[in-house]
Structure formats: C-alpha cells, structure tokens
N, C-alpha and C. Protein backbone atom coordinates (compact mmCIF):
# COMPACT_ATOMS: atom_id res chain seq x y z
N UNK A 1 -70.54 -94.58 242.43
CA UNK A 1 -71.06 -95.32 241.29
C UNK A 1 -71.45 -94.35 240.19
N UNK A 2 -71.00 -94.65 238.98
CA UNK A 2 -71.32 -93.78 237.84
C UNK A 2 -72.71 -94.06 237.33
N UNK A 3 -73.39 -93.03 237.00
CA UNK A 3 -74.72 -93.15 236.41
C UNK A 3 -74.58 -93.04 234.90
N UNK A 4 -75.54 -93.57 234.12
CA UNK A 4 -75.44 -93.48 232.65
C UNK A 4 -75.29 -92.05 232.16
N UNK A 5 -75.92 -91.10 232.82
CA UNK A 5 -75.82 -89.71 232.37
C UNK A 5 -74.47 -89.09 232.66
N UNK A 6 -73.64 -89.76 233.48
CA UNK A 6 -72.32 -89.26 233.79
C UNK A 6 -71.28 -89.65 232.74
N UNK A 7 -71.64 -90.45 231.79
CA UNK A 7 -70.71 -90.93 230.78
C UNK A 7 -70.28 -89.77 229.89
N UNK A 8 -69.00 -89.62 229.72
CA UNK A 8 -68.47 -88.56 228.86
C UNK A 8 -68.58 -88.95 227.40
N UNK A 9 -68.74 -87.96 226.50
CA UNK A 9 -68.92 -88.30 225.09
C UNK A 9 -67.76 -89.07 224.47
N UNK A 10 -66.53 -88.89 224.97
CA UNK A 10 -65.40 -89.62 224.40
C UNK A 10 -65.41 -91.09 224.78
N UNK A 11 -66.33 -91.51 225.64
CA UNK A 11 -66.42 -92.92 226.00
C UNK A 11 -67.31 -93.71 225.04
N UNK A 12 -67.75 -93.08 223.99
CA UNK A 12 -68.60 -93.74 223.00
C UNK A 12 -67.79 -94.24 221.80
N UNK A 13 -66.58 -94.68 222.06
CA UNK A 13 -65.71 -95.09 220.96
C UNK A 13 -66.28 -96.27 220.18
N UNK A 14 -66.95 -97.20 220.85
CA UNK A 14 -67.56 -98.33 220.13
C UNK A 14 -68.70 -97.86 219.24
N UNK A 15 -69.49 -96.92 219.74
CA UNK A 15 -70.58 -96.36 218.94
C UNK A 15 -70.00 -95.66 217.72
N UNK A 16 -68.97 -94.85 217.94
CA UNK A 16 -68.34 -94.15 216.82
C UNK A 16 -67.78 -95.13 215.80
N UNK A 17 -67.11 -96.18 216.27
CA UNK A 17 -66.54 -97.16 215.35
C UNK A 17 -67.62 -97.84 214.52
N UNK A 18 -68.71 -98.21 215.16
CA UNK A 18 -69.83 -98.85 214.45
C UNK A 18 -70.39 -97.92 213.38
N UNK A 19 -70.62 -96.66 213.76
CA UNK A 19 -71.20 -95.72 212.82
C UNK A 19 -70.22 -95.30 211.73
N UNK A 20 -68.93 -95.22 212.06
CA UNK A 20 -67.93 -94.93 211.01
C UNK A 20 -67.94 -96.03 209.96
N UNK A 21 -68.01 -97.28 210.40
CA UNK A 21 -68.07 -98.40 209.45
C UNK A 21 -69.36 -98.35 208.64
N UNK A 22 -70.47 -98.10 209.31
CA UNK A 22 -71.78 -98.09 208.65
C UNK A 22 -71.87 -96.96 207.61
N UNK A 23 -71.26 -95.82 207.90
CA UNK A 23 -71.38 -94.66 207.01
C UNK A 23 -70.08 -94.36 206.26
N UNK A 24 -69.19 -95.35 206.18
CA UNK A 24 -67.95 -95.18 205.42
C UNK A 24 -68.31 -94.86 203.97
N UNK A 25 -67.65 -93.90 203.40
CA UNK A 25 -67.94 -93.50 202.04
C UNK A 25 -69.10 -92.52 201.93
N UNK A 26 -69.78 -92.29 203.04
CA UNK A 26 -70.90 -91.35 203.06
C UNK A 26 -70.51 -90.10 203.85
N UNK A 27 -69.94 -90.32 205.04
CA UNK A 27 -69.54 -89.22 205.92
C UNK A 27 -68.11 -89.44 206.39
N UNK A 28 -67.35 -88.36 206.51
CA UNK A 28 -66.00 -88.49 207.09
C UNK A 28 -66.09 -88.80 208.58
N UNK A 29 -65.05 -89.40 209.14
CA UNK A 29 -65.05 -89.74 210.56
C UNK A 29 -65.35 -88.55 211.48
N UNK A 30 -64.91 -87.36 211.12
CA UNK A 30 -65.16 -86.19 211.97
C UNK A 30 -66.65 -85.89 212.07
N UNK A 31 -67.38 -86.11 211.00
CA UNK A 31 -68.83 -85.89 211.02
C UNK A 31 -69.49 -86.89 211.95
N UNK A 32 -69.04 -88.13 211.90
CA UNK A 32 -69.59 -89.16 212.79
C UNK A 32 -69.33 -88.76 214.25
N UNK A 33 -68.13 -88.33 214.54
CA UNK A 33 -67.79 -87.92 215.91
C UNK A 33 -68.68 -86.77 216.37
N UNK A 34 -68.86 -85.77 215.51
CA UNK A 34 -69.72 -84.63 215.88
C UNK A 34 -71.15 -85.07 216.13
N UNK A 35 -71.66 -85.99 215.32
CA UNK A 35 -73.03 -86.47 215.51
C UNK A 35 -73.18 -87.26 216.81
N UNK A 36 -72.18 -88.05 217.15
CA UNK A 36 -72.23 -88.80 218.41
C UNK A 36 -72.19 -87.83 219.59
N UNK A 37 -71.34 -86.82 219.52
CA UNK A 37 -71.27 -85.83 220.59
C UNK A 37 -72.60 -85.07 220.72
N UNK A 38 -73.17 -84.67 219.59
CA UNK A 38 -74.45 -83.95 219.61
C UNK A 38 -75.55 -84.85 220.17
N UNK A 39 -75.53 -86.12 219.80
CA UNK A 39 -76.54 -87.06 220.30
C UNK A 39 -76.39 -87.23 221.81
N UNK A 40 -75.16 -87.29 222.28
CA UNK A 40 -74.91 -87.41 223.72
C UNK A 40 -75.53 -86.24 224.48
N UNK A 41 -75.19 -85.04 224.05
CA UNK A 41 -75.70 -83.86 224.75
C UNK A 41 -77.20 -83.68 224.56
N UNK A 42 -77.71 -84.02 223.40
CA UNK A 42 -79.15 -83.96 223.17
C UNK A 42 -79.91 -84.92 224.06
N UNK A 43 -79.41 -86.12 224.19
CA UNK A 43 -80.06 -87.11 225.07
C UNK A 43 -80.06 -86.65 226.51
N UNK A 44 -78.94 -86.09 226.95
CA UNK A 44 -78.87 -85.56 228.32
C UNK A 44 -79.90 -84.45 228.53
N UNK A 45 -79.99 -83.56 227.57
CA UNK A 45 -80.88 -82.42 227.70
C UNK A 45 -82.35 -82.84 227.71
N UNK A 46 -82.70 -83.79 226.84
CA UNK A 46 -84.11 -84.17 226.70
C UNK A 46 -84.54 -85.19 227.74
N UNK A 47 -83.72 -86.19 227.99
CA UNK A 47 -84.14 -87.28 228.87
C UNK A 47 -83.44 -87.29 230.22
N UNK A 48 -82.37 -86.53 230.34
CA UNK A 48 -81.61 -86.53 231.58
C UNK A 48 -80.61 -87.67 231.66
N UNK A 49 -80.53 -88.50 230.63
CA UNK A 49 -79.60 -89.62 230.59
C UNK A 49 -79.02 -89.76 229.20
N UNK A 50 -77.92 -90.45 229.09
CA UNK A 50 -77.26 -90.63 227.80
C UNK A 50 -76.78 -92.07 227.65
N UNK A 51 -77.71 -92.99 227.65
CA UNK A 51 -77.36 -94.40 227.50
C UNK A 51 -76.82 -94.64 226.09
N UNK A 52 -75.86 -95.54 225.99
CA UNK A 52 -75.19 -95.78 224.70
C UNK A 52 -76.17 -96.12 223.58
N UNK A 53 -77.15 -96.97 223.88
CA UNK A 53 -78.10 -97.34 222.83
C UNK A 53 -78.87 -96.15 222.31
N UNK A 54 -79.28 -95.27 223.19
CA UNK A 54 -80.01 -94.07 222.79
C UNK A 54 -79.12 -93.14 221.99
N UNK A 55 -77.90 -92.93 222.46
CA UNK A 55 -76.96 -92.07 221.75
C UNK A 55 -76.70 -92.62 220.35
N UNK A 56 -76.53 -93.93 220.25
CA UNK A 56 -76.28 -94.54 218.94
C UNK A 56 -77.47 -94.33 218.00
N UNK A 57 -78.68 -94.53 218.50
CA UNK A 57 -79.86 -94.34 217.65
C UNK A 57 -80.01 -92.90 217.18
N UNK A 58 -79.80 -91.95 218.09
CA UNK A 58 -79.91 -90.54 217.72
C UNK A 58 -78.84 -90.17 216.71
N UNK A 59 -77.59 -90.57 216.96
CA UNK A 59 -76.50 -90.24 216.05
C UNK A 59 -76.73 -90.88 214.68
N UNK A 60 -77.20 -92.11 214.65
CA UNK A 60 -77.47 -92.77 213.38
C UNK A 60 -78.52 -91.99 212.58
N UNK A 61 -79.56 -91.56 213.28
CA UNK A 61 -80.61 -90.79 212.60
C UNK A 61 -80.07 -89.48 212.06
N UNK A 62 -79.23 -88.78 212.84
CA UNK A 62 -78.59 -87.56 212.35
C UNK A 62 -77.82 -87.83 211.07
N UNK A 63 -77.04 -88.91 211.08
CA UNK A 63 -76.22 -89.24 209.92
C UNK A 63 -77.08 -89.61 208.71
N UNK A 64 -78.18 -90.29 208.94
CA UNK A 64 -79.09 -90.63 207.84
C UNK A 64 -79.70 -89.38 207.23
N UNK A 65 -80.10 -88.45 208.08
CA UNK A 65 -80.69 -87.20 207.58
C UNK A 65 -79.65 -86.40 206.80
N UNK A 66 -78.46 -86.31 207.32
CA UNK A 66 -77.39 -85.60 206.60
C UNK A 66 -77.14 -86.23 205.23
N UNK A 67 -77.18 -87.55 205.17
CA UNK A 67 -76.97 -88.25 203.89
C UNK A 67 -78.11 -87.95 202.92
N UNK A 68 -79.35 -87.92 203.43
CA UNK A 68 -80.49 -87.61 202.56
C UNK A 68 -80.39 -86.19 202.01
N UNK A 69 -80.01 -85.25 202.84
CA UNK A 69 -79.88 -83.87 202.41
C UNK A 69 -78.79 -83.75 201.34
N UNK A 70 -77.68 -84.41 201.57
CA UNK A 70 -76.59 -84.38 200.59
C UNK A 70 -77.02 -84.98 199.27
N UNK A 71 -77.80 -86.04 199.31
CA UNK A 71 -78.29 -86.69 198.08
C UNK A 71 -79.24 -85.76 197.34
N UNK A 72 -80.13 -85.09 198.06
CA UNK A 72 -81.08 -84.17 197.44
C UNK A 72 -80.39 -82.98 196.81
N UNK A 73 -79.31 -82.54 197.39
CA UNK A 73 -78.57 -81.40 196.84
C UNK A 73 -77.74 -81.78 195.62
N UNK A 74 -77.36 -83.06 195.58
CA UNK A 74 -76.48 -83.54 194.51
C UNK A 74 -77.19 -83.83 193.30
C-alpha cells in the first residue's frame, strides 16, 4: 500500500494544471512545475508527508511570493 509520502512529484499533474491556470500570464508553466516539485520535497522534509492539498497550498504560496517580488521590481 502506498503512503502519501511515497507519491512522486510527477503525480501532481492536477495540482500543476490548477496552478498553471490560476497563474497564467503571471508565471510560465516551468516555474509552476518547479514550485510544485519544491513544495513536494519541502513538505516531505518538514512534515514527513506530501499530501496533495499541502503541496498545492505550499506551491501556491511560492507562486504568490514570486509574483509579489516581480511586481515590486517592476
């Protein structure tokens, strides 16, 4: 039986699709993918698990912060 922490980062395609749509015009798809991967590994490191909802929330926050920084620089 697979545990939530055993989920590979490439299995978050629905999370990536949701965030790509949400941040279309703000971040390129590659940035969204990198944030989802970073969120996956960060969740594993901090909590020992990488549930989809947690990964999505972390990745969304990363993307929001990146957007704020880009706006401040612009």
